[in-house]
Protein backbone atom coordinates (compact mmCIF):
# COMPACT_ATOMS: atom_id res chain seq x y z
CA ALA A 1 -16.17 -21.22 37.49
CA PHE A 2 -14.57 -23.01 34.51
CA GLY A 3 -11.10 -21.50 34.47
CA PRO A 4 -9.90 -18.29 32.86
CA ALA A 5 -10.89 -17.01 29.44
CA ARG A 6 -7.71 -16.15 27.57
CA ASN A 7 -7.09 -13.21 25.30
CA PRO A 8 -6.67 -14.52 21.72
CA TRP A 9 -4.02 -11.87 21.02
CA ASP A 10 -1.83 -13.20 23.85
CA LEU A 11 -2.92 -16.32 25.72
CA THR A 12 -1.13 -15.22 28.89
CA ARG A 13 -3.37 -12.15 29.24
CA VAL A 14 -6.91 -11.38 30.33
CA PRO A 15 -9.62 -10.67 27.73
CA GLY A 16 -11.24 -8.02 29.93
CA GLY A 17 -14.44 -8.48 31.83
CA SER A 18 -16.82 -9.41 32.85
CA SER A 19 -18.13 -10.40 29.39
CA GLY A 20 -14.66 -11.53 28.35
CA GLY A 21 -15.85 -14.90 27.08
CA SER A 22 -18.15 -13.21 24.58
CA ALA A 23 -15.32 -10.99 23.32
CA VAL A 24 -12.98 -14.00 22.99
CA ALA A 25 -15.60 -15.92 21.00
CA VAL A 26 -15.88 -13.06 18.52
CA ALA A 27 -12.16 -12.19 18.30
CA ALA A 28 -11.16 -15.84 17.86
CA HIS A 29 -13.86 -16.37 15.18
CA PHE A 30 -15.86 -18.86 17.22
CA ALA A 31 -18.88 -16.70 16.36
CA SER A 32 -19.73 -13.71 14.17
CA ALA A 33 -21.18 -11.79 17.11
CA ALA A 34 -22.11 -12.28 20.74
CA LEU A 35 -24.02 -10.72 23.62
CA GLY A 36 -22.72 -9.54 26.96
CA THR A 37 -23.88 -7.34 29.80
CA ASP A 38 -22.31 -3.94 30.28
CA THR A 39 -22.80 -2.50 33.78
CA GLY A 40 -19.66 -0.42 34.22
CA GLY A 41 -17.73 -1.32 31.07
CA SER A 42 -18.07 -5.11 30.92
CA VAL A 43 -18.59 -5.14 27.14
CA ARG A 44 -16.55 -2.09 26.14
CA GLN A 45 -13.42 -3.15 28.05
CA PRO A 46 -13.34 -6.71 26.58
CA ALA A 47 -14.00 -5.25 23.13
CA SER A 48 -10.98 -2.98 23.61
CA PHE A 49 -8.72 -5.70 25.03
CA CYS A 50 -9.67 -8.22 22.32
CA GLY A 51 -9.70 -5.91 19.30
CA VAL A 52 -13.40 -6.14 18.43
CA VAL A 53 -16.26 -3.63 18.46
CA GLY A 54 -18.84 -3.41 21.24
CA ILE A 55 -21.61 -1.00 22.13
CA LYS A 56 -23.40 -0.20 25.36
CA PRO A 57 -26.78 1.22 24.35
CA THR A 58 -28.63 4.01 26.11
CA TYR A 59 -30.11 2.69 29.36
CA GLY A 60 -33.54 1.32 28.44
CA ARG A 61 -32.82 0.89 24.71
CA VAL A 62 -32.53 -2.91 25.13
CA SER A 63 -34.60 -5.10 27.45
CA ARG A 64 -32.87 -6.55 30.50
CA TYR A 65 -35.45 -9.32 30.85
CA GLY A 66 -33.75 -12.70 31.19
CA ALA A 67 -30.45 -11.34 32.56
CA ILE A 68 -29.54 -12.02 36.17
CA ALA A 69 -29.77 -8.60 37.77
CA TYR A 70 -26.49 -7.31 39.19
CA ALA A 71 -26.99 -3.54 39.39
CA SER A 72 -30.45 -2.84 38.03
CA SER A 73 -29.96 0.87 37.36
CA LEU A 74 -26.79 0.20 35.34
CA ASP A 75 -27.08 -3.19 33.60
CA GLN A 76 -27.48 -3.18 29.82
CA ILE A 77 -27.51 -6.10 27.38
CA SER A 78 -24.88 -5.16 24.80
CA PRO A 79 -23.60 -6.76 21.57
CA LEU A 80 -20.05 -7.40 20.35
CA ALA A 81 -18.93 -8.09 16.78
CA ARG A 82 -15.82 -8.01 14.59
CA ASN A 83 -17.07 -5.10 12.50
CA VAL A 84 -19.48 -2.22 12.87
CA PRO A 85 -22.11 -3.40 10.33
CA ASP A 86 -22.48 -6.66 12.26
CA LEU A 87 -22.65 -4.72 15.52
CA ALA A 88 -25.39 -2.48 14.10
CA LEU A 89 -27.35 -5.53 12.94
CA MET A 90 -27.17 -7.11 16.40
CA LEU A 91 -28.33 -3.93 18.09
CA GLN A 92 -31.15 -3.49 15.57
CA VAL A 93 -32.47 -6.97 16.39
CA ILE A 94 -32.39 -6.69 20.18
CA ALA A 95 -33.44 -3.06 20.66
CA GLY A 96 -37.01 -2.00 21.40
CA GLN A 97 -39.64 -1.92 24.12
CA ASP A 98 -40.36 -5.08 26.09
CA PRO A 99 -43.48 -5.33 28.29
CA LEU A 100 -41.50 -7.67 30.55
CA ASP A 101 -38.98 -4.92 31.41
CA GLN A 102 -40.53 -1.77 32.84
CA THR A 103 -37.32 0.20 32.25
CA SER A 104 -37.29 -0.44 28.50
CA LEU A 105 -38.05 2.70 26.50
CA PRO A 106 -41.45 2.97 24.74
CA MET A 107 -40.04 3.69 21.29
CA ARG A 108 -38.73 1.88 18.26
CA PRO A 109 -35.03 2.34 17.49
CA PRO A 110 -34.01 4.06 14.25
CA GLU A 111 -32.72 2.04 11.31
CA LEU A 112 -29.21 1.26 12.54
CA THR A 113 -27.94 -0.98 9.75
CA ALA A 114 -27.81 1.54 6.89
CA LEU A 115 -24.13 2.32 7.39
CA ALA A 116 -22.84 1.81 3.84
CA GLY A 117 -21.43 5.12 2.65
CA HIS A 118 -21.98 6.82 6.01
CA THR A 119 -18.33 7.62 6.65
CA ASP A 120 -18.50 11.42 6.40
CA VAL A 121 -17.58 13.08 9.71
CA ALA A 122 -17.20 16.60 8.29
CA GLY A 123 -18.69 19.20 10.61
CA LEU A 124 -18.89 16.84 13.57
CA ARG A 125 -17.83 18.36 16.90
CA ILE A 126 -15.99 15.82 19.04
CA GLY A 127 -15.28 16.63 22.67
CA ILE A 128 -11.94 15.54 24.14
CA PRO A 129 -12.07 15.47 27.95
CA ASP A 130 -8.92 16.67 29.68
CA GLU A 131 -9.48 13.97 32.31
CA TYR A 132 -9.32 11.11 29.77
CA LEU A 133 -5.80 11.61 28.38
CA GLY A 134 -3.85 12.62 31.46
CA GLU A 135 -1.98 10.85 34.23
CA GLY A 136 -2.32 7.08 34.42
CA VAL A 137 -2.93 6.48 30.70
CA GLU A 138 -0.27 4.27 29.14
CA PRO A 139 1.76 6.13 26.48
CA ASP A 140 0.84 3.67 23.71
CA VAL A 141 -2.86 4.03 24.52
CA ARG A 142 -2.61 7.82 24.50
CA ASP A 143 -0.67 7.84 21.20
CA ARG A 144 -3.07 5.51 19.34
CA VAL A 145 -6.14 7.38 20.58
CA ARG A 146 -4.65 10.72 19.58
CA ALA A 147 -3.77 9.34 16.14
CA ALA A 148 -7.35 8.17 15.63
CA LEU A 149 -8.67 11.57 16.72
CA ALA A 150 -6.24 13.29 14.37
CA HIS A 151 -7.60 11.14 11.54
CA LEU A 152 -11.15 12.28 12.35
CA GLU A 153 -9.93 15.86 12.42
CA ASP A 154 -8.26 15.46 9.02
CA ALA A 155 -11.58 14.09 7.73
CA GLY A 156 -13.37 17.29 8.73
CA ALA A 157 -14.36 16.82 12.35
CA THR A 158 -13.58 19.52 14.90
CA LEU A 159 -11.89 18.48 18.16
CA VAL A 160 -13.15 20.53 21.10
CA PRO A 161 -11.59 20.42 24.59
CA VAL A 162 -14.21 19.68 27.25
CA SER A 163 -14.10 18.95 30.96
CA LEU A 164 -15.79 16.20 32.95
CA PRO A 165 -14.59 17.33 36.39
CA HIS A 166 -16.35 14.66 38.46
CA THR A 167 -14.66 11.79 36.59
CA LYS A 168 -12.27 11.32 39.53
CA TYR A 169 -15.22 10.34 41.74
CA ALA A 170 -16.71 7.87 39.27
CA ILE A 171 -15.04 4.67 40.51
CA ALA A 172 -15.99 5.30 44.15
CA THR A 173 -19.52 6.27 43.15
CA TYR A 174 -19.93 3.24 40.91
CA TYR A 175 -18.67 0.76 43.49
CA LEU A 176 -21.08 2.08 46.09
CA ILE A 177 -24.15 2.09 43.85
CA ALA A 178 -23.39 -1.13 41.99
CA THR A 179 -22.46 -3.13 45.08
CA ALA A 180 -25.49 -1.86 46.99
CA GLU A 181 -27.79 -2.94 44.18
CA ALA A 182 -25.93 -6.25 43.87
CA SER A 183 -26.38 -6.92 47.57
CA SER A 184 -30.12 -6.45 47.18
CA ASN A 185 -30.48 -8.32 43.87
CA LEU A 186 -28.35 -11.32 44.85
CA ALA A 187 -30.10 -11.81 48.21
CA ARG A 188 -32.56 -14.12 46.42
CA PHE A 189 -29.77 -16.64 45.76
CA ASP A 190 -30.16 -18.31 49.11
CA GLY A 191 -30.18 -22.02 48.25
CA VAL A 192 -33.95 -22.22 48.68
CA ARG A 193 -35.53 -20.27 45.84
CA TYR A 194 -32.56 -19.70 43.52
CA GLY A 195 -28.96 -20.67 43.02
CA HIS A 196 -26.65 -23.28 44.46
CA ARG A 197 -27.82 -25.33 47.46
CA THR A 198 -25.18 -26.88 49.69
CA PRO A 199 -25.20 -30.71 49.65
CA ASP A 200 -23.93 -30.81 53.25
CA GLU A 201 -26.03 -31.41 56.32
CA VAL A 202 -27.15 -28.14 57.91
CA SER A 203 -28.34 -27.35 61.41
CA ASP A 204 -30.94 -24.70 60.56
CA ILE A 205 -32.10 -22.31 57.84
CA ALA A 206 -29.43 -19.73 58.67
CA ASP A 207 -26.76 -22.41 58.25
CA LEU A 208 -28.29 -23.39 54.90
CA PHE A 209 -28.16 -19.79 53.67
CA SER A 210 -24.61 -19.25 54.90
CA ARG A 211 -23.14 -22.43 53.43
CA SER A 212 -24.99 -22.18 50.12
CA ARG A 213 -23.92 -18.59 49.51
CA ALA A 214 -20.32 -19.22 50.63
CA GLU A 215 -20.03 -22.16 48.20
CA GLY A 216 -22.02 -20.65 45.33
CA PHE A 217 -20.47 -17.18 45.11
CA GLY A 218 -16.82 -16.64 44.21
CA PRO A 219 -14.56 -14.32 46.22
CA GLU A 220 -15.09 -11.26 44.00
CA VAL A 221 -18.89 -11.58 44.13
CA GLN A 222 -18.72 -12.08 47.91
CA ARG A 223 -16.55 -8.96 48.21
CA ARG A 224 -19.08 -6.87 46.30
CA ILE A 225 -22.06 -8.20 48.25
CA MET A 226 -20.33 -7.37 51.54
CA LEU A 227 -19.42 -3.86 50.36
CA GLY A 228 -22.99 -3.25 49.24
CA THR A 229 -24.52 -4.62 52.41
CA PHE A 230 -22.30 -2.32 54.46
CA ALA A 231 -23.22 0.71 52.33
CA LEU A 232 -26.93 0.03 52.85
CA SER A 233 -26.70 -0.79 56.54
CA SER A 234 -28.33 1.32 59.22
CA GLY A 235 -26.23 4.35 60.07
CA TYR A 236 -24.23 4.27 56.82
CA TYR A 237 -26.93 4.68 54.14
CA ASP A 238 -26.81 8.48 54.07
CA ALA A 239 -23.02 8.63 54.29
CA TYR A 240 -22.40 6.21 51.42
CA TYR A 241 -25.27 5.15 49.14
CA LEU A 242 -27.25 8.41 49.27
CA ARG A 243 -24.12 10.51 48.79
CA ALA A 244 -23.07 8.32 45.84
CA GLN A 245 -26.44 8.95 44.19
CA LYS A 246 -25.88 12.70 44.53
CA VAL A 247 -22.45 12.42 42.92
CA ARG A 248 -24.00 10.33 40.15
CA THR A 249 -26.22 13.32 39.37
CA LEU A 250 -23.15 15.57 39.18
CA ILE A 251 -21.48 13.15 36.75
CA ARG A 252 -24.57 13.15 34.55
CA ARG A 253 -24.64 16.95 34.60
CA ASP A 254 -20.99 17.02 33.48
CA PHE A 255 -22.00 15.15 30.33
CA GLU A 256 -25.06 17.34 29.78
CA ALA A 257 -22.88 20.46 29.95
CA ALA A 258 -20.35 18.97 27.52
CA PHE A 259 -23.02 17.92 25.02
CA ALA A 260 -24.27 21.49 24.91
CA SER A 261 -21.22 22.28 22.76
CA VAL A 262 -20.24 18.95 21.14
CA ASP A 263 -21.91 16.09 19.28
CA LEU A 264 -19.82 13.25 20.70
CA ILE A 265 -17.13 12.69 23.32
CA ALA A 266 -14.07 10.55 22.60
CA GLY A 267 -11.23 9.04 24.62
CA PRO A 268 -9.66 5.72 25.58
CA VAL A 269 -11.82 2.80 26.64
CA SER A 270 -9.24 1.86 29.26
CA PRO A 271 -6.02 3.52 30.44
CA VAL A 272 -4.20 0.21 29.91
CA THR A 273 -4.12 -2.70 27.49
CA ALA A 274 -4.75 -6.31 28.51
CA PHE A 275 -2.74 -7.25 31.59
CA LYS A 276 -1.39 -10.65 32.60
CA LEU A 277 -3.73 -13.32 33.94
CA GLY A 278 -3.77 -13.15 37.73
CA GLU A 279 -1.71 -9.96 37.78
CA ARG A 280 -4.35 -7.87 39.59
CA THR A 281 -6.39 -10.43 41.49
CA THR A 282 -4.59 -9.56 44.74
CA ASP A 283 -5.17 -5.84 44.18
CA PRO A 284 -8.89 -5.30 43.46
CA LEU A 285 -8.51 -1.51 43.44
CA ALA A 286 -5.97 -1.64 40.60
CA MET A 287 -8.36 -3.91 38.70
CA TYR A 288 -11.30 -1.54 39.31
CA LEU A 289 -9.29 1.48 38.11
CA ALA A 290 -9.08 -0.07 34.62
CA ASP A 291 -12.77 0.98 34.34
CA ILE A 292 -12.17 4.66 35.11
CA PHE A 293 -13.28 5.82 31.63
CA THR A 294 -16.24 3.46 31.21
CA VAL A 295 -18.11 3.78 34.51
CA PRO A 296 -19.00 7.51 34.14
CA THR A 297 -20.93 6.72 30.95
CA SER A 298 -22.79 3.92 32.72
CA LEU A 299 -23.66 6.13 35.68
CA ALA A 300 -25.09 8.70 33.24
CA GLY A 301 -27.02 6.07 31.25
CA LEU A 302 -25.41 7.13 27.95
CA PRO A 303 -24.60 5.08 24.84
CA ALA A 304 -20.95 4.34 24.09
CA VAL A 305 -19.07 2.27 21.54
CA SER A 306 -15.58 0.75 21.63
CA VAL A 307 -13.76 0.57 18.30
CA PRO A 308 -10.19 -0.71 17.72
CA VAL A 309 -7.62 1.94 16.79
CA GLY A 310 -4.37 -0.02 16.68
CA LEU A 311 -1.93 -2.05 18.75
CA ASP A 312 0.57 -1.22 21.47
CA ARG A 313 4.24 -2.19 21.28
CA ALA A 314 3.36 -5.65 22.67
CA SER A 315 0.89 -6.14 19.77
CA LEU A 316 -2.14 -5.84 22.06
CA PRO A 317 -5.30 -4.07 20.85
CA ILE A 318 -6.28 -0.57 21.94
CA GLY A 319 -9.86 0.71 21.83
CA LEU A 320 -11.27 4.20 21.31
CA GLN A 321 -14.47 4.98 23.19
CA LEU A 322 -17.07 7.19 21.52
CA ILE A 323 -19.78 8.49 23.87
CA GLY A 324 -23.03 10.07 22.68
CA PRO A 325 -26.05 11.85 24.11
CA PRO A 326 -29.04 9.63 24.96
CA LEU A 327 -30.42 7.61 22.02
CA GLN A 328 -27.62 8.61 19.62
CA GLU A 329 -26.47 5.06 18.84
CA LEU A 330 -26.73 5.61 15.08
CA ARG A 331 -24.32 8.54 15.14
CA LEU A 332 -21.86 6.54 17.27
CA LEU A 333 -22.01 3.61 14.85
CA GLN A 334 -21.47 5.87 11.85
CA VAL A 335 -18.32 7.44 13.33
CA ALA A 336 -17.04 4.04 14.43
CA HIS A 337 -17.66 2.75 10.92
CA ALA A 338 -15.73 5.70 9.44
CA LEU A 339 -12.73 4.82 11.61
CA GLU A 340 -13.02 1.13 10.81
CA VAL A 341 -13.08 1.69 7.04
CA GLU A 342 -10.04 3.96 7.06
CA ARG A 343 -8.04 2.22 9.81
CA PRO A 344 -8.64 -1.56 9.59
CA GLN A 345 -7.49 -3.69 12.52
CA PRO A 346 -4.74 -6.31 11.97
CA ALA A 347 -5.80 -9.96 12.10
CA CYS A 348 -5.95 -11.66 15.50
CA PRO A 349 -3.06 -14.18 15.69
CA TYR A 350 -5.02 -16.98 17.38
CA ALA A 351 -8.24 -16.64 15.36
CA LEU A 352 -9.79 -19.59 13.56
CA THR A 353 -10.75 -19.43 9.90
CA PRO A 354 -13.23 -16.54 9.63
CA VAL A 355 -16.91 -17.45 9.83
CA THR A 356 -19.51 -15.78 7.65
CA SER A 357 -20.69 -12.35 8.78
CA GLN A 358 -22.64 -9.49 7.26
CA GLY A 359 -19.55 -7.29 7.23
CA ALA A 360 -17.48 -9.91 5.40
CA ALA A 361 -20.32 -10.52 2.95
C-alpha cells in the first residue's frame, strides 16, 4: 500500500513477510521490539531475513483479539526483538488468557524473562529432520545451520536424526486451509460494514461489493481469496479443504512422534536468504516455497523461534528455527539465548544509533 519495506542489510532486497515492516523497524533500530502476526511464518521469516529474533508462540498462548483475522486457526500475534531477553519480555507481557478471544488458553504463562545464566544445553536432545537440510536449501544456509548445531553439540546437546515425512505436503495443505479461512474472514470487507468503499457511482449492491473489493484488496490478497473460495465451493470442499485438514492431522502426528524421542527440533527458518525486491512477484509458487520449513509448525500449532546464526557470502542474515512441543516457549528461549551469547550477530549496516533495550541494559 505504501511501497516496499527494504531489508536494512541490503536495501535492494526484501525483508521477508508479511510482518517485514516490524522486522525492519527492529533491525534498523527504529524500535527495541515490535509485534507482527505469524500465520505460516510471517514473523519467523522476516526475523531470519533481517537478522533479529522472533517467536511464534503456541496457538492460543497469545490473544488474537484486535488483529484482522486472516486464517483464524493459524494466526498468532508474535513479537520480534534484537536479542532474546527483549523477546522474552515482550512475550511475557502479551501472553495469557483473554476473555475476548475464545481460543486463548486458560492458563498463565511461566516466567519467561529469567534467562540470565540459562545457557546450559547439556543433556538436551535436539531432533534434526532429514527433510529440513536436503534438496533446495542454499549451501550457505545449510552450512551456517550445521555450524550452529555443531556448537550446541559441543556444549553438551545430543543431535538426533528424526523424520517429518509429511513436510512435502505442508505448502499445499497450508495454502488450501489458509486461503479458505481467508475467503471466509475477508468476506466482511464489502464496502458496507468494513473496509474500503469505492467513491465511484455504482448501479446496485453487487456492483458496490465488486468495485470496493477490487480496489481495496491488492493482487496477492485477491489471489488468495479466489483460491479459498474455489476450495470451499460446492463439489470441491471434500476434494480440497477436507482433504487438507486430514493432511494437517498427519503433519501434527509427525511432530508428536518426533517429540517422543527429542526435546526440540532444529533446522533452517527458510531454505534461502533474502531475495531481490520484485524477484518473485511473477512466480507466487517460488515465493510460497520460501515458507516450506515454517508452515508445518503453524499447521501443528507449535511454538517456534528464529535466532540468527551468521551471514551468507553476500552478508545476508541466516536464521535457525527451534521448534518445541506445545507450551515450551521457555525452553526455546533458553536455547536461543545460549546460541546468542556464544555466537553474537554482526551489526546491521544500515541501523541507526542503538536505542535502549533490556538486553543492552
